[in-house]
Amino acid sequence: MSTPTNNGPGQTRPFADILRDIRNGQVANDAADALQDCVEAVRETGKKGQVVLTITIEPLKGSDHALTVSGDVNLKSPRPTPAAAVFFADQDYNLVRDDPRQTTIPGLREVGRTTTNIDPKEVAK
């Protein structure tokens, strides 16, 4: 069902009114949701995003006056930059975590992490 309009001859019907008529307002709802999702992603990543609304208008087959109007919303959210890991290439071009050119210190070992919280004030005593 069409939204009534009080536009007289020569006046343009507001775009938002037409958008609400496409698929019973679902396109407008989809656009609003996509806009909110895009804003959230932009705030989280600090990168730009885009919401693209495409309105397609075609003549209705078999009619000289009727048109079909459809809408589609496409969200182009910014993606967070994936974390990178540092590797080194050994003499055989294999990726390894430790620099093969660096000598090891005898007796040096890796200390495991503790799962208990240590109060820095207690350590300083």
C-alpha atoms as a PDB file:
ATOM      1  CA  MET A   1       0.000   0.000   0.000  1.00  0.00           C
ATOM      2  CA  SER A   2       1.346   3.400  -0.963  1.00  0.00           C
ATOM      3  CA  THR A   3       2.009   6.175   1.502  1.00  0.00           C
ATOM      4  CA  PRO A   4      -0.381   9.056   0.843  1.00  0.00           C
ATOM      5  CA  THR A   5       1.237  12.241  -0.383  1.00  0.00           C
ATOM      6  CA  ASN A   6       0.078  15.839  -0.361  1.00  0.00           C
ATOM      7  CA  ASN A   7       2.480  16.835  -3.110  1.00  0.00           C
ATOM      8  CA  GLY A   8       0.909  18.941  -5.792  1.00  0.00           C
ATOM      9  CA  PRO A   9       1.925  19.097  -9.440  1.00  0.00           C
ATOM     10  CA  GLY A  10       5.595  19.946  -9.908  1.00  0.00           C
ATOM     11  CA  GLN A  11       6.530  18.975  -6.332  1.00  0.00           C
ATOM     12  CA  THR A  12       8.940  16.160  -5.555  1.00  0.00           C
ATOM     13  CA  ARG A  13       7.844  13.412  -3.207  1.00  0.00           C
ATOM     14  CA  PRO A  14      10.361  13.028  -0.345  1.00  0.00           C
ATOM     15  CA  PHE A  15      12.845  10.209  -0.917  1.00  0.00           C
ATOM     16  CA  ALA A  16      12.299   8.820   2.604  1.00  0.00           C
ATOM     17  CA  ASP A  17       8.590   8.357   1.801  1.00  0.00           C
ATOM     18  CA  ILE A  18       9.413   6.332  -1.296  1.00  0.00           C
ATOM     19  CA  LEU A  19      12.054   4.321   0.578  1.00  0.00           C
ATOM     20  CA  ARG A  20       9.476   3.371   3.226  1.00  0.00           C
ATOM     21  CA  ASP A  21       7.222   1.989   0.456  1.00  0.00           C
ATOM     22  CA  ILE A  22       9.857  -0.387  -0.965  1.00  0.00           C
ATOM     23  CA  ARG A  23       9.297  -3.893   0.466  1.00  0.00           C
ATOM     24  CA  ASN A  24       7.037  -2.469   3.169  1.00  0.00           C
ATOM     25  CA  GLY A  25       9.883  -0.474   4.728  1.00  0.00           C
ATOM     26  CA  GLN A  26      12.325  -3.374   4.980  1.00  0.00           C
ATOM     27  CA  VAL A  27      14.925  -1.623   2.787  1.00  0.00           C
ATOM     28  CA  ALA A  28      14.814   1.440   5.058  1.00  0.00           C
ATOM     29  CA  ASN A  29      15.173  -0.808   8.120  1.00  0.00           C
ATOM     30  CA  ASP A  30      18.087  -2.674   6.522  1.00  0.00           C
ATOM     31  CA  ALA A  31      19.780   0.637   5.699  1.00  0.00           C
ATOM     32  CA  ALA A  32      19.360   1.877   9.279  1.00  0.00           C
ATOM     33  CA  ASP A  33      20.810  -1.364  10.677  1.00  0.00           C
ATOM     34  CA  ALA A  34      23.720  -1.274   8.221  1.00  0.00           C
ATOM     35  CA  LEU A  35      24.430   2.348   9.110  1.00  0.00           C
ATOM     36  CA  GLN A  36      24.556   1.524  12.817  1.00  0.00           C
ATOM     37  CA  ASP A  37      26.821  -1.494  12.185  1.00  0.00           C
ATOM     38  CA  CYS A  38      29.100   0.629  10.022  1.00  0.00           C
ATOM     39  CA  VAL A  39      29.402   3.357  12.663  1.00  0.00           C
ATOM     40  CA  GLU A  40      30.302   0.742  15.276  1.00  0.00           C
ATOM     41  CA  ALA A  41      32.984  -0.803  13.035  1.00  0.00           C
ATOM     42  CA  VAL A  42      34.446   2.608  12.160  1.00  0.00           C
ATOM     43  CA  ARG A  43      34.658   3.552  15.846  1.00  0.00           C
ATOM     44  CA  GLU A  44      36.317   0.214  16.702  1.00  0.00           C
ATOM     45  CA  THR A  45      38.859   0.162  13.862  1.00  0.00           C
ATOM     46  CA  GLY A  46      39.470   3.847  13.139  1.00  0.00           C
ATOM     47  CA  LYS A  47      39.061   3.044   9.438  1.00  0.00           C
ATOM     48  CA  LYS A  48      36.421   4.185   6.960  1.00  0.00           C
ATOM     49  CA  GLY A  49      33.322   2.190   6.129  1.00  0.00           C
ATOM     50  CA  GLN A  50      30.537   2.516   3.600  1.00  0.00           C
ATOM     51  CA  VAL A  51      26.818   1.868   3.392  1.00  0.00           C
ATOM     52  CA  VAL A  52      25.620   1.640  -0.200  1.00  0.00           C
ATOM     53  CA  LEU A  53      21.921   1.876  -0.987  1.00  0.00           C
ATOM     54  CA  THR A  54      21.010   0.795  -4.508  1.00  0.00           C
ATOM     55  CA  ILE A  55      17.571   1.555  -5.896  1.00  0.00           C
ATOM     56  CA  THR A  56      16.742  -0.253  -9.142  1.00  0.00           C
ATOM     57  CA  ILE A  57      13.853   0.941 -11.307  1.00  0.00           C
ATOM     58  CA  GLU A  58      12.598  -1.073 -14.274  1.00  0.00           C
ATOM     59  CA  PRO A  59       9.537  -0.932 -16.500  1.00  0.00           C
ATOM     60  CA  LEU A  60       6.969  -3.569 -15.594  1.00  0.00           C
ATOM     61  CA  LYS A  61       6.710  -6.087 -18.423  1.00  0.00           C
ATOM     62  CA  GLY A  62       3.422  -5.784 -20.233  1.00  0.00           C
ATOM     63  CA  SER A  63       2.663  -2.273 -18.947  1.00  0.00           C
ATOM     64  CA  ASP A  64       3.311   1.119 -20.502  1.00  0.00           C
ATOM     65  CA  HIS A  65       3.034   3.031 -17.212  1.00  0.00           C
ATOM     66  CA  ALA A  66       3.951   0.783 -14.263  1.00  0.00           C
ATOM     67  CA  LEU A  67       7.482   0.484 -12.870  1.00  0.00           C
ATOM     68  CA  THR A  68       9.059  -2.036 -10.525  1.00  0.00           C
ATOM     69  CA  VAL A  69      11.257  -0.519  -7.828  1.00  0.00           C
ATOM     70  CA  SER A  70      13.585  -2.588  -5.661  1.00  0.00           C
ATOM     71  CA  GLY A  71      16.221  -1.687  -3.142  1.00  0.00           C
ATOM     72  CA  ASP A  72      19.342  -3.297  -1.789  1.00  0.00           C
ATOM     73  CA  VAL A  73      21.675  -2.297   1.040  1.00  0.00           C
ATOM     74  CA  ASN A  74      25.343  -3.258   1.001  1.00  0.00           C
ATOM     75  CA  LEU A  75      27.560  -2.722   4.046  1.00  0.00           C
ATOM     76  CA  LYS A  76      31.290  -2.356   3.483  1.00  0.00           C
ATOM     77  CA  SER A  77      32.584  -2.544   7.046  1.00  0.00           C
ATOM     78  CA  PRO A  78      36.174  -1.745   7.846  1.00  0.00           C
ATOM     79  CA  ARG A  79      38.076  -4.763   9.019  1.00  0.00           C
ATOM     80  CA  PRO A  80      40.575  -4.718  11.845  1.00  0.00           C
ATOM     81  CA  THR A  81      44.184  -5.136  10.828  1.00  0.00           C
ATOM     82  CA  PRO A  82      45.186  -8.702  11.673  1.00  0.00           C
ATOM     83  CA  ALA A  83      48.059  -9.108  14.100  1.00  0.00           C
ATOM     84  CA  ALA A  84      51.348 -10.129  12.502  1.00  0.00           C
ATOM     85  CA  ALA A  85      54.012 -12.409  13.942  1.00  0.00           C
ATOM     86  CA  VAL A  86      57.770 -11.964  13.550  1.00  0.00           C
ATOM     87  CA  PHE A  87      59.701 -14.812  11.928  1.00  0.00           C
ATOM     88  CA  PHE A  88      63.196 -15.310  10.593  1.00  0.00           C
ATOM     89  CA  ALA A  89      64.346 -17.334   7.609  1.00  0.00           C
ATOM     90  CA  ASP A  90      66.970 -19.997   8.334  1.00  0.00           C
ATOM     91  CA  GLN A  91      69.610 -21.144   5.831  1.00  0.00           C
ATOM     92  CA  ASP A  92      67.099 -23.485   4.189  1.00  0.00           C
ATOM     93  CA  TYR A  93      64.503 -20.663   3.921  1.00  0.00           C
ATOM     94  CA  ASN A  94      62.265 -22.140   6.596  1.00  0.00           C
ATOM     95  CA  LEU A  95      60.433 -19.686   8.815  1.00  0.00           C
ATOM     96  CA  VAL A  96      61.518 -19.928  12.451  1.00  0.00           C
ATOM     97  CA  ARG A  97      60.698 -17.838  15.539  1.00  0.00           C
ATOM     98  CA  ASP A  98      64.295 -17.377  16.766  1.00  0.00           C
ATOM     99  CA  ASP A  99      66.922 -15.500  14.767  1.00  0.00           C
ATOM    100  CA  PRO A 100      69.321 -18.225  13.570  1.00  0.00           C
ATOM    101  CA  ARG A 101      72.172 -15.676  13.365  1.00  0.00           C
ATOM    102  CA  GLN A 102      71.946 -14.908  17.081  1.00  0.00           C
ATOM    103  CA  THR A 103      74.040 -17.060  19.403  1.00  0.00           C
ATOM    104  CA  THR A 104      72.451 -18.620  22.447  1.00  0.00           C
ATOM    105  CA  ILE A 105      73.604 -17.838  25.963  1.00  0.00           C
ATOM    106  CA  PRO A 106      74.488 -21.029  27.879  1.00  0.00           C
ATOM    107  CA  GLY A 107      72.259 -21.643  30.901  1.00  0.00           C
ATOM    108  CA  LEU A 108      69.622 -19.131  29.807  1.00  0.00           C
ATOM    109  CA  ARG A 109      66.104 -20.505  29.971  1.00  0.00           C
ATOM    110  CA  GLU A 110      62.639 -19.167  29.386  1.00  0.00           C
ATOM    111  CA  VAL A 111      60.638 -18.448  32.522  1.00  0.00           C
ATOM    112  CA  GLY A 112      56.993 -19.457  32.445  1.00  0.00           C
ATOM    113  CA  ARG A 113      54.264 -16.962  33.231  1.00  0.00           C
ATOM    114  CA  THR A 114      52.582 -16.987  36.603  1.00  0.00           C
ATOM    115  CA  THR A 115      48.825 -17.146  36.880  1.00  0.00           C
ATOM    116  CA  THR A 116      48.659 -15.459  40.298  1.00  0.00           C
ATOM    117  CA  ASN A 117      48.460 -11.727  40.770  1.00  0.00           C
ATOM    118  CA  ILE A 118      51.475 -10.303  42.538  1.00  0.00           C
ATOM    119  CA  ASP A 119      51.124  -7.027  44.396  1.00  0.00           C
ATOM    120  CA  PRO A 120      54.008  -4.746  43.284  1.00  0.00           C
ATOM    121  CA  LYS A 121      54.159  -3.267  46.796  1.00  0.00           C
ATOM    122  CA  GLU A 122      54.960  -6.712  48.232  1.00  0.00           C
ATOM    123  CA  VAL A 123      57.786  -7.255  45.718  1.00  0.00           C
ATOM    124  CA  ALA A 124      59.403  -3.929  46.614  1.00  0.00           C
ATOM    125  CA  LYS A 125      59.747  -4.900  50.330  1.00  0.00           C
END
